[in-house]
Amino acid sequence: MIPLSDPGNPRHRFPIATVLFITANVLVFIYQLSLPQPALENFVLAYGVRPVEITTGQDLPPATPVPVWLTIFTSMFLHGGWAHILGNMLYLWIFGDNVEETIGTPTYVAFYLAAGVAGALAHILIDPRSGVPSIGASGAISGVLAAYMVFFPTARITTLIFLGLFITVTQVPAVLLIGFWALLQFLSGLGTLGITAAGGVAYWAHIGGFAAGLVLALPFRGKARRTRRRFAPRSYGYD
C-alpha cells in the first residue's frame, strides 16, 4: 500500500519545518549524485551511522570530520537511491504537515530529530558490532507516522494498493494504513534477528522511531482534538 494524499485532512498553515526537512534531504541527495562512486562510498561511510563506532567511540576509516556520535544526526539526511528518498519524502510530505500543525513547528523539529535518534539507537542496539552504515530519514519519519496515527486515526488516506496483478486506488483509514505498515516493519525486523547486517533495510530503525513517536505523541492528543475542533467547519463537517 502506497499513500498518495490525505485530502480530508488539509493543513491550514504552511509547514515550514516539513518543507525544510524535505529540502535538506533533497539537497544532500543531489550532492551524493554528484560524487564519483569511490567518493560516494566514503561519504556514506563517514556520515552514516555505524553501530560499532557508536558503541566503541572509535572512528573507523575513512575519517569522519565530526564526532562519531553526530553521525546519528547526519545519517538522517543521507539516502541510498531514488526509491529510498522518493518514498521517504512522499511519506513525510503527506503526514508531516498535519503533525507539525498540531504540535507546533519548534516542537515538531525536536520531535522529528528525537524519533530519528530513537530509530538509530534501536538499530545500534540490535547489532552493536556492525560496521555497516545505516542512512536515511526513515526512523524520524516513522515517528511522524506514529504521531499522525495517534492524532488522526480516522483520517482517510488515498492509497495505491497492489494485490498481485490487481491495482486499485481507494481511501483507507490512517490507523489501518499506518498500523499495517508498522506490523510489517515489526515482522520483518523479527526476521532479521540473529542475522549479521550486510546492508538492506534497517527495520529496527523504523520500529524504534515508530515506538518513540507513539510515546512522544501521547501528551499531545488533547491538543490534536482541539486543533480538529478549531478547523471542524471546513475540514470535518462537525456541528
Protein backbone atom coordinates (compact mmCIF):
# COMPACT_ATOMS: atom_id res chain seq x y z
CA MET A 1 0.00 0.00 0.00
CA ILE A 2 1.40 3.38 -1.04
CA PRO A 3 -0.21 6.56 0.37
CA LEU A 4 -0.89 9.27 -2.19
CA SER A 5 -2.64 12.04 -0.22
CA ASP A 6 -4.91 12.80 2.74
CA PRO A 7 -7.50 15.09 1.09
CA GLY A 8 -9.87 15.03 4.07
CA ASN A 9 -7.23 16.41 6.42
CA PRO A 10 -5.99 19.67 4.85
CA ARG A 11 -3.38 21.82 6.54
CA HIS A 12 -4.16 25.42 7.48
CA ARG A 13 -0.64 26.76 7.93
CA PHE A 14 2.45 26.49 5.78
CA PRO A 15 4.51 23.51 7.09
CA ILE A 16 7.85 25.29 7.16
CA ALA A 17 9.78 22.63 9.09
CA THR A 18 8.46 19.79 6.94
CA VAL A 19 9.44 21.68 3.79
CA LEU A 20 12.88 22.48 5.20
CA PHE A 21 13.48 18.84 6.15
CA ILE A 22 12.46 17.73 2.65
CA THR A 23 14.65 20.40 1.07
CA ALA A 24 17.67 19.42 3.17
CA ASN A 25 17.25 15.74 2.28
CA VAL A 26 16.89 16.50 -1.43
CA LEU A 27 19.91 18.83 -1.49
CA VAL A 28 22.11 16.26 0.23
CA PHE A 29 20.88 13.60 -2.19
CA ILE A 30 21.71 15.84 -5.16
CA TYR A 31 25.19 16.28 -3.68
CA GLN A 32 25.50 12.50 -3.35
CA LEU A 33 24.59 12.11 -7.02
CA SER A 34 27.40 14.49 -7.95
CA LEU A 35 30.06 12.30 -6.33
CA PRO A 36 32.03 9.62 -8.19
CA GLN A 37 31.46 6.14 -6.80
CA PRO A 38 34.56 5.90 -4.54
CA ALA A 39 33.88 9.35 -3.05
CA LEU A 40 30.22 8.47 -2.57
CA GLU A 41 31.11 5.30 -0.70
CA ASN A 42 33.49 7.22 1.56
CA PHE A 43 30.84 9.91 2.14
CA VAL A 44 28.31 7.32 3.27
CA LEU A 45 30.87 5.57 5.48
CA ALA A 46 31.88 8.89 7.03
CA TYR A 47 28.42 10.33 7.67
CA GLY A 48 26.25 7.24 8.02
CA VAL A 49 25.74 5.81 11.50
CA ARG A 50 27.93 2.74 12.01
CA PRO A 51 26.93 0.92 15.21
CA VAL A 52 30.42 -0.19 16.14
CA GLU A 53 31.66 3.41 16.01
CA ILE A 54 28.96 4.47 18.47
CA THR A 55 29.43 1.56 20.87
CA THR A 56 33.23 1.80 20.91
CA GLY A 57 33.72 5.51 20.28
CA GLN A 58 36.28 4.59 17.62
CA ASP A 59 36.25 6.37 14.26
CA LEU A 60 36.77 3.74 11.59
CA PRO A 61 38.27 4.68 8.22
CA PRO A 62 37.50 6.81 6.35
CA ALA A 63 37.90 9.52 8.97
CA THR A 64 34.70 11.31 9.94
CA PRO A 65 35.14 15.12 10.12
CA VAL A 66 32.67 15.29 13.04
CA PRO A 67 32.49 13.39 16.35
CA VAL A 68 31.17 9.89 15.65
CA TRP A 69 28.07 10.43 17.80
CA LEU A 70 26.97 13.20 15.43
CA THR A 71 26.58 10.63 12.66
CA ILE A 72 23.32 9.69 14.40
CA PHE A 73 22.06 13.03 13.07
CA THR A 74 23.97 13.33 9.79
CA SER A 75 22.79 9.87 8.72
CA MET A 76 19.18 11.13 8.76
CA PHE A 77 19.88 13.26 5.68
CA LEU A 78 21.55 10.62 3.50
CA HIS A 79 19.73 8.20 1.21
CA GLY A 80 20.66 5.11 -0.72
CA GLY A 81 18.91 5.72 -4.02
CA TRP A 82 15.92 7.21 -5.81
CA ALA A 83 13.35 4.78 -4.40
CA HIS A 84 14.67 5.39 -0.89
CA ILE A 85 14.44 9.18 -0.97
CA LEU A 86 11.24 9.40 -3.02
CA GLY A 87 9.43 7.01 -0.70
CA ASN A 88 10.63 8.79 2.43
CA MET A 89 9.83 12.27 1.14
CA LEU A 90 6.37 11.18 -0.04
CA TYR A 91 5.51 9.90 3.45
CA LEU A 92 6.97 13.00 5.09
CA TRP A 93 5.03 15.34 2.80
CA ILE A 94 1.69 13.57 3.30
CA PHE A 95 1.88 13.09 7.06
CA GLY A 96 4.38 15.64 8.33
CA ASP A 97 2.41 18.81 7.66
CA ASN A 98 -0.54 17.82 9.87
CA VAL A 99 1.70 16.66 12.70
CA GLU A 100 3.67 19.90 12.51
CA GLU A 101 0.47 21.95 12.59
CA THR A 102 -0.81 20.01 15.59
CA ILE A 103 2.20 20.28 17.88
CA GLY A 104 3.77 23.49 16.53
CA THR A 105 6.88 23.94 14.43
CA PRO A 106 9.57 24.15 17.19
CA THR A 107 8.18 21.08 18.97
CA TYR A 108 7.87 19.25 15.67
CA VAL A 109 11.55 19.82 14.87
CA ALA A 110 12.54 18.38 18.25
CA PHE A 111 10.04 15.52 17.80
CA TYR A 112 11.38 14.63 14.35
CA LEU A 113 15.00 14.57 15.49
CA ALA A 114 14.16 12.64 18.67
CA ALA A 115 12.36 9.95 16.66
CA GLY A 116 15.33 9.76 14.32
CA VAL A 117 17.71 9.34 17.26
CA ALA A 118 15.48 6.64 18.75
CA GLY A 119 15.49 4.81 15.43
CA ALA A 120 19.27 4.95 15.19
CA LEU A 121 19.69 3.74 18.77
CA ALA A 122 17.31 0.83 18.17
CA HIS A 123 19.34 -0.14 15.10
CA ILE A 124 22.58 0.08 17.10
CA LEU A 125 21.15 -1.96 19.97
CA ILE A 126 20.15 -4.81 17.67
CA ASP A 127 23.60 -5.12 16.05
CA PRO A 128 26.11 -3.11 18.14
CA ARG A 129 29.22 -4.53 16.43
CA SER A 130 28.16 -3.86 12.86
CA GLY A 131 30.37 -1.65 10.74
CA VAL A 132 27.74 -1.29 8.02
CA PRO A 133 26.50 2.31 7.78
CA SER A 134 22.79 2.99 8.22
CA ILE A 135 21.39 6.01 6.39
CA GLY A 136 18.03 7.60 5.74
CA ALA A 137 15.26 9.61 7.36
CA SER A 138 13.10 6.53 7.91
CA GLY A 139 13.45 6.46 11.70
CA ALA A 140 12.36 10.08 12.03
CA ILE A 141 9.54 9.66 9.51
CA SER A 142 8.37 6.51 11.30
CA GLY A 143 7.89 8.68 14.38
CA VAL A 144 5.86 11.14 12.31
CA LEU A 145 3.65 8.29 11.08
CA ALA A 146 3.04 7.16 14.65
CA ALA A 147 2.05 10.68 15.68
CA TYR A 148 -0.31 11.00 12.71
CA MET A 149 -1.98 7.72 13.66
CA VAL A 150 -2.44 8.95 17.24
CA PHE A 151 -3.77 12.37 16.21
CA PHE A 152 -5.87 11.43 13.17
CA PRO A 153 -6.72 7.71 13.36
CA THR A 154 -9.86 8.03 11.21
CA ALA A 155 -8.41 10.34 8.56
CA ARG A 156 -8.95 8.86 5.11
CA ILE A 157 -5.74 8.31 3.16
CA THR A 158 -5.93 7.96 -0.61
CA THR A 159 -3.88 4.83 -1.17
CA LEU A 160 -2.49 2.88 -4.10
CA ILE A 161 -2.99 -0.82 -3.37
CA PHE A 162 -1.29 -3.73 -5.13
CA LEU A 163 -2.95 -7.16 -4.83
CA GLY A 164 -0.97 -9.33 -7.17
CA LEU A 165 -1.85 -8.17 -10.67
CA PHE A 166 -4.81 -6.17 -9.36
CA ILE A 167 -4.08 -2.48 -8.73
CA THR A 168 -6.56 -0.01 -7.31
CA VAL A 169 -6.76 3.37 -5.61
CA THR A 170 -9.00 3.68 -2.59
CA GLN A 171 -9.28 5.52 0.72
CA VAL A 172 -8.01 3.76 3.82
CA PRO A 173 -8.28 4.94 7.46
CA ALA A 174 -4.93 6.15 8.76
CA VAL A 175 -4.99 3.70 11.67
CA LEU A 176 -5.31 0.79 9.23
CA LEU A 177 -2.73 2.01 6.72
CA ILE A 178 -0.10 3.03 9.26
CA GLY A 179 -0.89 0.14 11.61
CA PHE A 180 -0.42 -2.35 8.76
CA TRP A 181 2.86 -0.66 7.80
CA ALA A 182 4.08 -0.84 11.42
CA LEU A 183 3.14 -4.53 11.68
CA LEU A 184 5.12 -5.29 8.53
CA GLN A 185 8.16 -3.49 9.94
CA PHE A 186 7.93 -5.46 13.18
CA LEU A 187 7.54 -8.82 11.47
CA SER A 188 10.37 -8.00 9.07
CA GLY A 189 12.53 -6.86 11.99
CA LEU A 190 11.91 -10.14 13.81
CA GLY A 191 13.03 -11.94 10.68
CA THR A 192 16.42 -10.20 10.78
CA LEU A 193 17.25 -11.11 14.38
CA GLY A 194 20.41 -13.17 14.59
CA ILE A 195 21.45 -12.23 11.05
CA THR A 196 24.69 -10.29 10.66
CA ALA A 197 23.98 -6.99 8.96
CA ALA A 198 25.19 -6.83 5.38
CA GLY A 199 23.13 -3.98 4.00
CA GLY A 200 19.45 -3.68 3.25
CA VAL A 201 16.51 -2.18 5.16
CA ALA A 202 17.16 -1.15 8.77
CA TYR A 203 13.80 -2.38 10.07
CA TRP A 204 14.69 -1.81 13.70
CA ALA A 205 15.36 1.85 12.99
CA HIS A 206 11.78 2.04 11.70
CA ILE A 207 10.49 0.21 14.76
CA GLY A 208 12.48 2.37 17.18
CA GLY A 209 11.38 5.60 15.52
CA PHE A 210 7.75 4.46 15.45
CA ALA A 211 7.77 3.44 19.13
CA ALA A 212 9.32 6.76 20.11
CA GLY A 213 6.75 8.61 18.02
CA LEU A 214 3.90 6.84 19.80
CA VAL A 215 5.25 7.72 23.24
CA LEU A 216 6.09 11.32 22.35
CA ALA A 217 2.73 11.92 20.64
CA LEU A 218 0.52 10.78 23.51
CA PRO A 219 0.84 14.00 25.57
CA PHE A 220 -0.38 15.99 22.55
CA ARG A 221 -3.64 14.08 21.98
CA GLY A 222 -5.66 16.78 23.71
CA LYS A 223 -4.06 19.45 21.57
CA ALA A 224 -4.83 17.40 18.46
CA ARG A 225 -8.51 17.21 19.45
CA ARG A 226 -8.62 20.97 19.96
CA THR A 227 -6.99 21.52 16.58
CA ARG A 228 -9.58 19.30 14.87
CA ARG A 229 -12.45 21.17 16.56
CA ARG A 230 -10.93 24.52 15.65
CA PHE A 231 -10.99 23.71 11.95
CA ALA A 232 -14.05 21.45 12.07
CA PRO A 233 -16.44 23.54 9.93
CA ARG A 234 -14.16 23.33 6.92
CA SER A 235 -12.28 20.08 7.48
CA TYR A 236 -14.57 17.67 9.23
CA GLY A 237 -18.12 18.97 8.97
CA TYR A 238 -18.86 18.72 12.70
CA ASP A 239 -21.93 20.51 14.10
